[in-house]
C-alpha atoms as a PDB file:
ATOM      1  CA  MET A   1     -20.033  13.470  18.278  1.00  0.00           C
ATOM      2  CA  PRO A   2     -20.954   9.763  18.290  1.00  0.00           C
ATOM      3  CA  GLY A   3     -23.918   8.912  20.451  1.00  0.00           C
ATOM      4  CA  ARG A   4     -23.923   6.657  23.489  1.00  0.00           C
ATOM      5  CA  THR A   5     -23.599   2.924  22.960  1.00  0.00           C
ATOM      6  CA  THR A   6     -24.737  -0.003  25.058  1.00  0.00           C
ATOM      7  CA  GLY A   7     -22.261  -2.568  23.715  1.00  0.00           C
ATOM      8  CA  VAL A   8     -19.449  -3.190  21.281  1.00  0.00           C
ATOM      9  CA  GLY A   9     -21.971  -4.239  18.649  1.00  0.00           C
ATOM     10  CA  ASP A  10     -23.329  -0.688  18.574  1.00  0.00           C
ATOM     11  CA  LEU A  11     -20.041   0.966  17.694  1.00  0.00           C
ATOM     12  CA  GLY A  12     -20.329   0.467  13.941  1.00  0.00           C
ATOM     13  CA  SER A  13     -23.636   2.296  13.730  1.00  0.00           C
ATOM     14  CA  GLN A  14     -22.265   5.159  15.826  1.00  0.00           C
ATOM     15  CA  TYR A  15     -19.259   5.796  13.557  1.00  0.00           C
ATOM     16  CA  LYS A  16     -19.201   9.342  12.188  1.00  0.00           C
ATOM     17  CA  ASP A  17     -15.812  10.425  10.883  1.00  0.00           C
ATOM     18  CA  TYR A  18     -12.104  10.482  11.641  1.00  0.00           C
ATOM     19  CA  ILE A  19     -10.864  12.907  14.272  1.00  0.00           C
ATOM     20  CA  ARG A  20      -8.824  15.412  12.306  1.00  0.00           C
ATOM     21  CA  GLU A  21      -8.299  18.986  11.151  1.00  0.00           C
ATOM     22  CA  GLU A  22      -8.311  19.732   7.418  1.00  0.00           C
ATOM     23  CA  CYS A  23      -7.443  22.638   5.139  1.00  0.00           C
ATOM     24  CA  ALA A  24      -7.439  23.530   1.445  1.00  0.00           C
ATOM     25  CA  PHE A  25      -4.056  24.543   0.009  1.00  0.00           C
ATOM     26  CA  ARG A  26      -3.074  26.077  -3.320  1.00  0.00           C
ATOM     27  CA  PRO A  27      -0.855  24.299  -5.866  1.00  0.00           C
ATOM     28  CA  VAL A  28       2.183  25.519  -7.748  1.00  0.00           C
ATOM     29  CA  ALA A  29       3.226  24.534 -11.259  1.00  0.00           C
ATOM     30  CA  GLY A  30       4.956  21.276 -12.112  1.00  0.00           C
ATOM     31  CA  VAL A  31       4.075  19.201  -9.033  1.00  0.00           C
ATOM     32  CA  THR A  32       2.240  15.880  -8.627  1.00  0.00           C
ATOM     33  CA  TYR A  33       0.027  15.926  -5.515  1.00  0.00           C
ATOM     34  CA  THR A  34      -0.693  12.224  -4.956  1.00  0.00           C
ATOM     35  CA  PRO A  35      -3.150  11.509  -2.111  1.00  0.00           C
ATOM     36  CA  GLY A  36      -1.129  10.715   1.000  1.00  0.00           C
ATOM     37  CA  SER A  37       1.810  12.921  -0.045  1.00  0.00           C
ATOM     38  CA  LEU A  38       3.559  15.141   2.483  1.00  0.00           C
ATOM     39  CA  LEU A  39       3.281  18.866   1.677  1.00  0.00           C
ATOM     40  CA  GLN A  40       5.621  21.795   2.288  1.00  0.00           C
ATOM     41  CA  PHE A  41       4.981  25.552   2.049  1.00  0.00           C
ATOM     42  CA  VAL A  42       6.904  27.198  -0.787  1.00  0.00           C
ATOM     43  CA  ALA A  43       9.001  30.342  -0.342  1.00  0.00           C
ATOM     44  CA  LEU A  44       7.206  33.665  -0.039  1.00  0.00           C
ATOM     45  CA  ASP A  45       8.195  34.844  -3.502  1.00  0.00           C
ATOM     46  CA  LEU A  46       6.690  31.665  -4.988  1.00  0.00           C
ATOM     47  CA  GLN A  47       3.323  32.181  -3.316  1.00  0.00           C
ATOM     48  CA  LEU A  48       0.490  33.049  -5.721  1.00  0.00           C
ATOM     49  CA  ASP A  49      -1.838  34.781  -3.235  1.00  0.00           C
ATOM     50  CA  PRO A  50      -1.426  36.797  -0.047  1.00  0.00           C
ATOM     51  CA  ASP A  51      -3.028  34.025   2.048  1.00  0.00           C
ATOM     52  CA  ILE A  52       0.287  32.081   1.853  1.00  0.00           C
ATOM     53  CA  LYS A  53      -1.311  28.700   1.105  1.00  0.00           C
ATOM     54  CA  CYS A  54       0.807  27.479  -1.818  1.00  0.00           C
ATOM     55  CA  VAL A  55       2.496  24.129  -1.216  1.00  0.00           C
ATOM     56  CA  ALA A  56       4.756  21.694  -3.038  1.00  0.00           C
ATOM     57  CA  LEU A  57       6.515  18.472  -1.994  1.00  0.00           C
ATOM     58  CA  PRO A  58       9.454  18.690   0.412  1.00  0.00           C
ATOM     59  CA  GLY A  59      12.971  17.898  -0.747  1.00  0.00           C
ATOM     60  CA  THR A  60      14.934  14.890   0.466  1.00  0.00           C
ATOM     61  CA  GLY A  61      17.540  16.785   2.447  1.00  0.00           C
ATOM     62  CA  ALA A  62      17.825  16.382   6.203  1.00  0.00           C
ATOM     63  CA  ASN A  63      15.658  18.348   8.665  1.00  0.00           C
ATOM     64  CA  GLN A  64      12.956  19.584   6.294  1.00  0.00           C
ATOM     65  CA  GLN A  65      10.951  22.528   7.685  1.00  0.00           C
ATOM     66  CA  LYS A  66       7.661  24.304   6.792  1.00  0.00           C
ATOM     67  CA  LEU A  67       5.838  20.965   6.536  1.00  0.00           C
ATOM     68  CA  ALA A  68       2.135  21.586   6.148  1.00  0.00           C
ATOM     69  CA  GLY A  69       0.239  18.282   6.228  1.00  0.00           C
ATOM     70  CA  PHE A  70      -0.766  15.450   3.891  1.00  0.00           C
ATOM     71  CA  VAL A  71      -2.937  15.345   0.775  1.00  0.00           C
ATOM     72  CA  SER A  72      -6.315  13.915   1.814  1.00  0.00           C
ATOM     73  CA  GLU A  73      -7.223  10.400   0.747  1.00  0.00           C
ATOM     74  CA  VAL A  74     -10.589  11.682  -0.496  1.00  0.00           C
ATOM     75  CA  TRP A  75      -9.230  14.607  -2.531  1.00  0.00           C
ATOM     76  CA  PRO A  76     -10.660  14.066  -6.056  1.00  0.00           C
ATOM     77  CA  GLY A  77      -7.767  15.654  -7.889  1.00  0.00           C
ATOM     78  CA  PHE A  78      -7.751  18.644 -10.210  1.00  0.00           C
ATOM     79  CA  SER A  79     -10.140  17.023 -12.677  1.00  0.00           C
ATOM     80  CA  ALA A  80     -12.991  16.479 -10.194  1.00  0.00           C
ATOM     81  CA  PRO A  81     -15.330  14.726 -10.323  1.00  0.00           C
ATOM     82  CA  SER A  82     -13.286  12.182 -12.308  1.00  0.00           C
ATOM     83  CA  GLY A  83     -10.358  12.465  -9.907  1.00  0.00           C
ATOM     84  CA  THR A  84      -7.714  11.204 -12.326  1.00  0.00           C
ATOM     85  CA  VAL A  85      -5.329  14.163 -12.520  1.00  0.00           C
ATOM     86  CA  TYR A  86      -3.093  15.021  -9.571  1.00  0.00           C
ATOM     87  CA  SER A  87      -0.393  16.956 -11.456  1.00  0.00           C
ATOM     88  CA  THR A  88      -0.218  20.635 -12.336  1.00  0.00           C
ATOM     89  CA  GLY A  89       0.992  21.858 -15.698  1.00  0.00           C
ATOM     90  CA  ALA A  90       3.887  24.089 -16.578  1.00  0.00           C
ATOM     91  CA  THR A  91       1.844  27.196 -15.671  1.00  0.00           C
ATOM     92  CA  LEU A  92      -1.145  28.049 -13.499  1.00  0.00           C
ATOM     93  CA  ALA A  93      -1.888  31.372 -15.184  1.00  0.00           C
ATOM     94  CA  SER A  94      -5.154  30.181 -16.724  1.00  0.00           C
ATOM     95  CA  ILE A  95      -6.471  28.381 -13.640  1.00  0.00           C
ATOM     96  CA  ARG A  96      -5.375  30.556 -10.745  1.00  0.00           C
ATOM     97  CA  GLY A  97      -7.948  30.595  -7.958  1.00  0.00           C
ATOM     98  CA  THR A  98      -9.928  27.640  -9.299  1.00  0.00           C
ATOM     99  CA  LEU A  99      -7.798  24.822  -7.875  1.00  0.00           C
ATOM    100  CA  SER A 100      -7.270  23.589  -4.356  1.00  0.00           C
ATOM    101  CA  ILE A 101      -5.681  20.603  -2.635  1.00  0.00           C
ATOM    102  CA  ASP A 102      -7.592  19.059   0.260  1.00  0.00           C
ATOM    103  CA  ALA A 103      -5.141  18.219   3.034  1.00  0.00           C
ATOM    104  CA  VAL A 104      -5.087  16.778   6.546  1.00  0.00           C
ATOM    105  CA  LEU A 105      -3.214  18.951   9.052  1.00  0.00           C
ATOM    106  CA  LYS A 106      -3.774  17.018  12.263  1.00  0.00           C
ATOM    107  CA  GLY A 107      -5.499  13.797  13.233  1.00  0.00           C
ATOM    108  CA  PHE A 108      -6.025  10.430  11.573  1.00  0.00           C
ATOM    109  CA  HIS A 109      -5.128   9.772   7.948  1.00  0.00           C
ATOM    110  CA  PRO A 110      -5.822   6.240   6.613  1.00  0.00           C
ATOM    111  CA  GLY A 111      -2.998   6.309   4.067  1.00  0.00           C
ATOM    112  CA  ILE A 112       0.162   8.415   3.997  1.00  0.00           C
ATOM    113  CA  LEU A 113       3.191   7.496   1.876  1.00  0.00           C
ATOM    114  CA  LEU A 114       6.102   5.764   3.650  1.00  0.00           C
ATOM    115  CA  ASP A 115       9.515   4.903   2.188  1.00  0.00           C
ATOM    116  CA  CYS A 116      11.724   2.808   4.466  1.00  0.00           C
ATOM    117  CA  SER A 117      14.905   3.149   2.400  1.00  0.00           C
ATOM    118  CA  GLY A 118      15.993   6.682   3.295  1.00  0.00           C
ATOM    119  CA  THR A 119      19.204   7.582   5.122  1.00  0.00           C
ATOM    120  CA  GLY A 120      18.692   7.092   8.859  1.00  0.00           C
ATOM    121  CA  ALA A 121      15.347   5.297   8.438  1.00  0.00           C
ATOM    122  CA  VAL A 122      14.406   2.840  11.200  1.00  0.00           C
ATOM    123  CA  THR A 123      11.899   0.043  11.671  1.00  0.00           C
ATOM    124  CA  VAL A 124       8.383   1.498  11.903  1.00  0.00           C
ATOM    125  CA  VAL A 125       5.993   0.294  14.601  1.00  0.00           C
ATOM    126  CA  ASP A 126       2.825   1.740  16.096  1.00  0.00           C
ATOM    127  CA  GLY A 127       3.459   5.140  17.675  1.00  0.00           C
ATOM    128  CA  LEU A 128       6.845   5.741  16.022  1.00  0.00           C
ATOM    129  CA  PRO A 129       7.533   9.357  14.925  1.00  0.00           C
ATOM    130  CA  LEU A 130       7.719   9.945  11.172  1.00  0.00           C
ATOM    131  CA  ILE A 131       9.751  12.611   9.379  1.00  0.00           C
ATOM    132  CA  ALA A 132      10.165  13.682   5.744  1.00  0.00           C
ATOM    133  CA  SER A 133      11.785  10.927   3.693  1.00  0.00           C
ATOM    134  CA  ARG A 134      15.467  11.206   2.800  1.00  0.00           C
ATOM    135  CA  ALA A 135      14.808   9.064  -0.299  1.00  0.00           C
ATOM    136  CA  THR A 136      11.542  10.107  -1.977  1.00  0.00           C
ATOM    137  CA  ALA A 137       9.901  13.544  -2.072  1.00  0.00           C
ATOM    138  CA  GLY A 138       6.410  13.534  -0.567  1.00  0.00           C
ATOM    139  CA  TYR A 139       7.028  10.402   1.505  1.00  0.00           C
ATOM    140  CA  VAL A 140       7.917   9.968   5.172  1.00  0.00           C
ATOM    141  CA  GLN A 141      10.262   7.603   7.001  1.00  0.00           C
ATOM    142  CA  GLY A 142      10.627   6.388  10.574  1.00  0.00           C
ATOM    143  CA  THR A 143      12.965   8.019  13.052  1.00  0.00           C
ATOM    144  CA  THR A 144      14.054   7.437  16.628  1.00  0.00           C
ATOM    145  CA  ALA A 145      14.184  11.175  17.335  1.00  0.00           C
ATOM    146  CA  ALA A 146      12.022  13.915  15.864  1.00  0.00           C
ATOM    147  CA  SER A 147      12.549  16.786  18.256  1.00  0.00           C
ATOM    148  CA  GLY A 148      12.353  20.408  17.213  1.00  0.00           C
ATOM    149  CA  PRO A 149       9.711  22.283  15.231  1.00  0.00           C
ATOM    150  CA  GLY A 150       9.053  21.183  11.690  1.00  0.00           C
ATOM    151  CA  LEU A 151      10.576  17.706  11.977  1.00  0.00           C
ATOM    152  CA  GLY A 152       8.093  15.100  13.201  1.00  0.00           C
ATOM    153  CA  VAL A 153       5.025  15.358  10.952  1.00  0.00           C
ATOM    154  CA  ALA A 154       3.161  12.155  11.835  1.00  0.00           C
ATOM    155  CA  VAL A 155       3.065   9.116  14.101  1.00  0.00           C
ATOM    156  CA  ALA A 156       2.548   5.615  12.719  1.00  0.00           C
ATOM    157  CA  ALA A 157      -0.881   4.109  13.440  1.00  0.00           C
ATOM    158  CA  LEU A 158      -0.268   0.377  13.125  1.00  0.00           C
ATOM    159  CA  PRO A 159      -1.520  -2.816  14.791  1.00  0.00           C
ATOM    160  CA  GLY A 160       0.405  -4.200  17.762  1.00  0.00           C
ATOM    161  CA  SER A 161       0.773  -7.592  16.095  1.00  0.00           C
ATOM    162  CA  GLY A 162       0.161  -9.282  12.763  1.00  0.00           C
ATOM    163  CA  ILE A 163       0.386  -7.846   9.249  1.00  0.00           C
ATOM    164  CA  GLY A 164       1.859  -4.330   9.257  1.00  0.00           C
ATOM    165  CA  SER A 165       2.852  -4.329  12.926  1.00  0.00           C
ATOM    166  CA  SER A 166       6.581  -3.940  12.215  1.00  0.00           C
ATOM    167  CA  ILE A 167       7.943  -2.473   8.963  1.00  0.00           C
ATOM    168  CA  THR A 168      11.689  -2.943   8.596  1.00  0.00           C
ATOM    169  CA  ALA A 169      13.893  -0.231   7.134  1.00  0.00           C
ATOM    170  CA  ALA A 170      15.866  -1.541   4.147  1.00  0.00           C
ATOM    171  CA  ALA A 171      16.204  -1.201   0.393  1.00  0.00           C
ATOM    172  CA  LEU A 172      13.020  -2.316  -1.345  1.00  0.00           C
ATOM    173  CA  ALA A 173      12.764  -5.854  -2.722  1.00  0.00           C
ATOM    174  CA  GLN A 174       9.434  -7.512  -3.449  1.00  0.00           C
ATOM    175  CA  ALA A 175       8.492 -10.848  -1.877  1.00  0.00           C
ATOM    176  CA  SER A 176       8.167 -13.925  -4.071  1.00  0.00           C
ATOM    177  CA  GLN A 177       7.779 -17.696  -4.027  1.00  0.00           C
ATOM    178  CA  THR A 178       8.139 -20.588  -6.442  1.00  0.00           C
ATOM    179  CA  ALA A 179       5.937 -23.378  -7.745  1.00  0.00           C
ATOM    180  CA  THR A 180       7.927 -26.258  -9.257  1.00  0.00           C
ATOM    181  CA  ILE A 181       6.168 -28.513 -11.769  1.00  0.00           C
ATOM    182  CA  SER A 182       7.396 -32.095 -11.971  1.00  0.00           C
ATOM    183  CA  GLY A 183       6.043 -35.594 -12.533  1.00  0.00           C
ATOM    184  CA  THR A 184       4.526 -36.539 -15.879  1.00  0.00           C
ATOM    185  CA  PRO A 185       2.017 -33.932 -17.085  1.00  0.00           C
ATOM    186  CA  ALA A 186      -0.937 -35.356 -18.989  1.00  0.00           C
ATOM    187  CA  VAL A 187      -3.930 -34.006 -20.859  1.00  0.00           C
ATOM    188  CA  GLY A 188      -6.603 -33.114 -18.320  1.00  0.00           C
ATOM    189  CA  ASP A 189      -4.233 -32.369 -15.417  1.00  0.00           C
ATOM    190  CA  THR A 190      -4.770 -29.133 -13.453  1.00  0.00           C
ATOM    191  CA  LEU A 191      -2.311 -26.940 -11.557  1.00  0.00           C
ATOM    192  CA  SER A 192      -3.236 -24.713  -8.604  1.00  0.00           C
ATOM    193  CA  VAL A 193      -1.706 -21.924  -6.539  1.00  0.00           C
ATOM    194  CA  THR A 194      -3.266 -20.691  -3.273  1.00  0.00           C
ATOM    195  CA  ILE A 195      -2.182 -17.390  -1.692  1.00  0.00           C
ATOM    196  CA  GLN A 196      -3.449 -15.402   1.291  1.00  0.00           C
ATOM    197  CA  THR A 197      -5.599 -12.470   0.146  1.00  0.00           C
ATOM    198  CA  PRO A 198      -7.176  -9.435   1.859  1.00  0.00           C
ATOM    199  CA  TYR A 199      -9.502  -9.804   4.822  1.00  0.00           C
ATOM    200  CA  VAL A 200     -13.231  -9.341   4.183  1.00  0.00           C
ATOM    201  CA  SER A 201     -15.938  -7.487   6.107  1.00  0.00           C
ATOM    202  CA  SER A 202     -18.131 -10.589   6.404  1.00  0.00           C
ATOM    203  CA  ALA A 203     -15.480 -12.402   8.485  1.00  0.00           C
ATOM    204  CA  PRO A 204     -13.433  -9.830  10.436  1.00  0.00           C
ATOM    205  CA  GLY A 205     -10.143 -11.109  11.785  1.00  0.00           C
ATOM    206  CA  VAL A 206     -10.258 -14.309   9.714  1.00  0.00           C
ATOM    207  CA  SER A 207      -7.430 -14.668   7.181  1.00  0.00           C
ATOM    208  CA  GLN A 208      -8.580 -15.372   3.638  1.00  0.00           C
ATOM    209  CA  THR A 209      -7.034 -17.302   0.760  1.00  0.00           C
ATOM    210  CA  THR A 210      -7.739 -17.462  -2.960  1.00  0.00           C
ATOM    211  CA  THR A 211      -7.017 -20.510  -5.124  1.00  0.00           C
ATOM    212  CA  TRP A 212      -6.298 -20.153  -8.835  1.00  0.00           C
ATOM    213  CA  THR A 213      -6.641 -23.435 -10.773  1.00  0.00           C
ATOM    214  CA  THR A 214      -5.827 -23.829 -14.437  1.00  0.00           C
ATOM    215  CA  PRO A 215      -8.332 -25.335 -16.840  1.00  0.00           C
ATOM    216  CA  ALA A 216      -7.473 -28.904 -17.814  1.00  0.00           C
ATOM    217  CA  LEU A 217      -4.136 -28.991 -19.639  1.00  0.00           C
ATOM    218  CA  THR A 218      -4.326 -29.413 -23.396  1.00  0.00           C
ATOM    219  CA  SER A 219      -2.081 -31.758 -25.351  1.00  0.00           C
ATOM    220  CA  ALA A 220       0.237 -28.852 -26.190  1.00  0.00           C
ATOM    221  CA  GLN A 221       0.402 -27.693 -22.569  1.00  0.00           C
ATOM    222  CA  ALA A 222       1.026 -31.234 -21.284  1.00  0.00           C
ATOM    223  CA  THR A 223       3.997 -31.863 -23.567  1.00  0.00           C
ATOM    224  CA  SER A 224       6.495 -31.353 -20.745  1.00  0.00           C
ATOM    225  CA  THR A 225       6.921 -29.832 -17.297  1.00  0.00           C
ATOM    226  CA  THR A 226       8.183 -26.694 -19.054  1.00  0.00           C
ATOM    227  CA  THR A 227       5.023 -26.271 -21.121  1.00  0.00           C
ATOM    228  CA  ALA A 228       2.883 -27.056 -18.088  1.00  0.00           C
ATOM    229  CA  ALA A 229       4.694 -24.368 -16.100  1.00  0.00           C
ATOM    230  CA  ALA A 230       4.093 -21.904 -18.925  1.00  0.00           C
ATOM    231  CA  ALA A 231       0.384 -22.783 -18.864  1.00  0.00           C
ATOM    232  CA  LEU A 232       0.211 -22.059 -15.128  1.00  0.00           C
ATOM    233  CA  ARG A 233       2.068 -18.776 -15.607  1.00  0.00           C
ATOM    234  CA  ASP A 234      -0.235 -17.626 -18.394  1.00  0.00           C
ATOM    235  CA  TYR A 235      -3.373 -18.578 -16.495  1.00  0.00           C
ATOM    236  CA  LEU A 236      -2.320 -16.769 -13.321  1.00  0.00           C
ATOM    237  CA  ASN A 237      -1.449 -13.564 -15.157  1.00  0.00           C
ATOM    238  CA  SER A 238      -4.795 -13.629 -16.975  1.00  0.00           C
ATOM    239  CA  GLN A 239      -6.765 -13.494 -13.718  1.00  0.00           C
ATOM    240  CA  ALA A 240      -7.613  -9.954 -12.593  1.00  0.00           C
ATOM    241  CA  ASN A 241      -7.757 -10.832  -8.896  1.00  0.00           C
ATOM    242  CA  PHE A 242      -4.228 -12.284  -9.189  1.00  0.00           C
ATOM    243  CA  SER A 243      -2.589  -9.697 -11.432  1.00  0.00           C
ATOM    244  CA  LYS A 244      -3.596  -6.730  -9.263  1.00  0.00           C
ATOM    245  CA  PHE A 245      -1.279  -8.120  -6.565  1.00  0.00           C
ATOM    246  CA  PHE A 246       1.190 -10.466  -8.272  1.00  0.00           C
ATOM    247  CA  THR A 247       3.038 -11.310 -11.480  1.00  0.00           C
ATOM    248  CA  ALA A 248       3.998 -14.851 -12.482  1.00  0.00           C
ATOM    249  CA  THR A 249       7.085 -15.694 -14.542  1.00  0.00           C
ATOM    250  CA  ALA A 250       8.361 -19.091 -15.691  1.00  0.00           C
ATOM    251  CA  SER A 251      11.800 -20.582 -16.317  1.00  0.00           C
ATOM    252  CA  THR A 252      11.851 -24.204 -17.461  1.00  0.00           C
ATOM    253  CA  ASN A 253       9.582 -26.010 -14.949  1.00  0.00           C
ATOM    254  CA  VAL A 254       9.588 -23.333 -12.231  1.00  0.00           C
ATOM    255  CA  VAL A 255       6.925 -20.636 -11.896  1.00  0.00           C
ATOM    256  CA  THR A 256       7.880 -17.656  -9.710  1.00  0.00           C
ATOM    257  CA  VAL A 257       5.126 -15.522  -8.196  1.00  0.00           C
ATOM    258  CA  THR A 258       6.318 -12.011  -7.270  1.00  0.00           C
ATOM    259  CA  VAL A 259       4.451  -9.145  -5.613  1.00  0.00           C
ATOM    260  CA  ASN A 260       3.904  -6.244  -8.002  1.00  0.00           C
ATOM    261  CA  THR A 261       5.875  -3.045  -7.413  1.00  0.00           C
ATOM    262  CA  ALA A 262       2.570  -1.132  -7.401  1.00  0.00           C
ATOM    263  CA  ALA A 263       0.299  -3.814  -5.968  1.00  0.00           C
ATOM    264  CA  ALA A 264      -3.240  -3.018  -4.854  1.00  0.00           C
ATOM    265  CA  LEU A 265      -3.848  -2.107  -1.215  1.00  0.00           C
ATOM    266  CA  PHE A 266      -4.214  -5.036   1.183  1.00  0.00           C
ATOM    267  CA  ARG A 267      -7.157  -4.859   3.611  1.00  0.00           C
ATOM    268  CA  VAL A 268      -6.614  -6.023   7.197  1.00  0.00           C
ATOM    269  CA  ASN A 269      -9.377  -6.087   9.802  1.00  0.00           C
ATOM    270  CA  GLY A 270     -10.293  -7.544  13.171  1.00  0.00           C
ATOM    271  CA  GLY A 271     -13.326  -8.330  15.260  1.00  0.00           C
ATOM    272  CA  SER A 272     -15.670 -11.231  15.778  1.00  0.00           C
ATOM    273  CA  GLY A 273     -18.889 -12.406  14.187  1.00  0.00           C
ATOM    274  CA  ASN A 274     -20.275  -9.480  12.225  1.00  0.00           C
ATOM    275  CA  ASN A 275     -18.597  -6.823  14.386  1.00  0.00           C
ATOM    276  CA  ILE A 276     -15.534  -5.116  12.908  1.00  0.00           C
ATOM    277  CA  THR A 277     -13.435  -3.496  15.637  1.00  0.00           C
ATOM    278  CA  PHE A 278     -10.681  -2.190  13.366  1.00  0.00           C
ATOM    279  CA  SER A 279      -9.897  -2.064   9.665  1.00  0.00           C
ATOM    280  CA  PHE A 280      -7.059  -0.559   7.667  1.00  0.00           C
ATOM    281  CA  ASP A 281      -5.406  -0.747   4.244  1.00  0.00           C
ATOM    282  CA  ILE A 282      -1.676  -1.133   3.741  1.00  0.00           C
ATOM    283  CA  SER A 283       0.393  -1.420   0.575  1.00  0.00           C
ATOM    284  CA  LEU A 284       1.461  -4.969  -0.233  1.00  0.00           C
ATOM    285  CA  SER A 285       5.089  -3.959  -0.514  1.00  0.00           C
ATOM    286  CA  GLY A 286       8.481  -5.359   0.478  1.00  0.00           C
ATOM    287  CA  MET A 287       8.584  -7.293   3.733  1.00  0.00           C
ATOM    288  CA  ILE A 288       4.849  -6.821   4.400  1.00  0.00           C
ATOM    289  CA  ALA A 289       4.106  -9.737   2.037  1.00  0.00           C
ATOM    290  CA  ASN A 290       6.521 -12.191   3.686  1.00  0.00           C
ATOM    291  CA  SER A 291       3.858 -13.533   6.031  1.00  0.00           C
ATOM    292  CA  LEU A 292       1.274 -14.314   3.339  1.00  0.00           C
ATOM    293  CA  SER A 293       0.561 -18.043   3.049  1.00  0.00           C
ATOM    294  CA  PHE A 294       1.458 -19.851  -0.172  1.00  0.00           C
ATOM    295  CA  ALA A 295       0.563 -23.359  -1.337  1.00  0.00           C
ATOM    296  CA  CYS A 296       0.485 -25.386  -4.547  1.00  0.00           C
ATOM    297  CA  ALA A 297      -1.396 -28.434  -5.796  1.00  0.00           C
ATOM    298  CA  ALA A 298      -1.889 -30.519  -8.940  1.00  0.00           C
ATOM    299  CA  THR A 299      -4.088 -33.302 -10.263  1.00  0.00           C
ATOM    300  CA  GLY A 300      -3.266 -36.240 -12.545  1.00  0.00           C
ATOM    301  CA  GLY A 301       0.322 -37.124 -13.374  1.00  0.00           C
ATOM    302  CA  SER A 302       1.659 -33.639 -12.590  1.00  0.00           C
ATOM    303  CA  THR A 303       3.068 -32.541  -9.273  1.00  0.00           C
ATOM    304  CA  ASN A 304       3.276 -28.906  -8.129  1.00  0.00           C
ATOM    305  CA  THR A 305       5.546 -28.132  -5.181  1.00  0.00           C
ATOM    306  CA  ALA A 306       5.685 -24.801  -3.323  1.00  0.00           C
ATOM    307  CA  GLY A 307       9.092 -23.414  -2.415  1.00  0.00           C
ATOM    308  CA  SER A 308       7.784 -22.598   1.081  1.00  0.00           C
ATOM    309  CA  THR A 309       4.535 -22.136   2.985  1.00  0.00           C
ATOM    310  CA  THR A 310       4.756 -18.340   2.740  1.00  0.00           C
ATOM    311  CA  LEU A 311       6.018 -15.674   0.375  1.00  0.00           C
ATOM    312  CA  ALA A 312       9.603 -14.725   1.203  1.00  0.00           C
ATOM    313  CA  SER A 313      12.608 -12.464   0.548  1.00  0.00           C
ATOM    314  CA  GLY A 314      10.680  -9.189   0.666  1.00  0.00           C
ATOM    315  CA  THR A 315      12.666  -6.342   2.224  1.00  0.00           C
ATOM    316  CA  GLY A 316      11.951  -2.696   2.977  1.00  0.00           C
ATOM    317  CA  PHE A 317       8.651  -0.996   2.198  1.00  0.00           C
ATOM    318  CA  LYS A 318       7.348   1.760  -0.059  1.00  0.00           C
ATOM    319  CA  GLY A 319       3.665   2.591   0.011  1.00  0.00           C
ATOM    320  CA  TYR A 320       0.691   3.517   2.173  1.00  0.00           C
ATOM    321  CA  ILE A 321       0.265   3.153   5.925  1.00  0.00           C
ATOM    322  CA  PRO A 322      -2.260   4.726   8.324  1.00  0.00           C
ATOM    323  CA  ALA A 323      -0.934   7.464  10.600  1.00  0.00           C
ATOM    324  CA  TRP A 324      -1.771  10.249  13.028  1.00  0.00           C
ATOM    325  CA  CYS A 325      -0.803  13.536  11.395  1.00  0.00           C
ATOM    326  CA  GLN A 326       0.542  16.491  13.354  1.00  0.00           C
ATOM    327  CA  ALA A 327       1.136  19.719  11.446  1.00  0.00           C
ATOM    328  CA  ALA A 328       4.770  20.527  11.935  1.00  0.00           C
ATOM    329  CA  THR A 329       4.961  24.259  11.359  1.00  0.00           C
END
């Protein structure tokens, strides 16, 4: 148990662990157990030991039962300590009894897999019940009703406002925005794009941005607005802290920045001064990215105009959210 505190500033030092119940399950052949995946007990004749702990991923049919919990975010995988292999092979005969899957049965999980495109899915907000996805095995989706045993397996744990506070159910489309190069590019000009990036622990609650600025344009790059746009595209994609979230493409003089389908997790936090009162990671997916700020700039004879002040046109969501798990069986 955490000790007593005398003020909010003490809470960080008193942190111990999430409140939750965990268990180790057994795998079956031919399944990928990604951290955050929803698990389901297999039929009795598919169990490999009398303790009845073998699990797989649930199907995508309605009203899935025998739901067991979620793969832990700290499970190292079958190749521990490297933690790079989450899939079982075609047979477990040679490794029976040596493998286990760490799972969360009840309590807080910082990252379960949500797909908002399934049949009957609804907008997800804090406290909304979650059921097995009707679109993707191992994922969950929001629901307005999750009564009955074996249906509601988690409750969304989201902020009341800001990034991630409301996740709309829709088919997935990634957010994007444009940078249009015009004017008269010249040798030595630079082109810049600035986008909102994850929050940092040194400034909780303060939104952050990162600016990517090209080196001075060469004579070949400054030939036209089309070549200048290509130079901006190539520079952006070469930067690791850009490419882990976004991909840039170019058509004539227009550069389009689009969120990656499998973008890195986006950190959100809150607090004041050096005190962090909350922190969570969420996938930068679909409509989540629509609120991220976006700006462009240029020097010299070039101009660089943003299509809008934020990313736009993202719909749906498929990725990680924090949740309160509740074993459904």
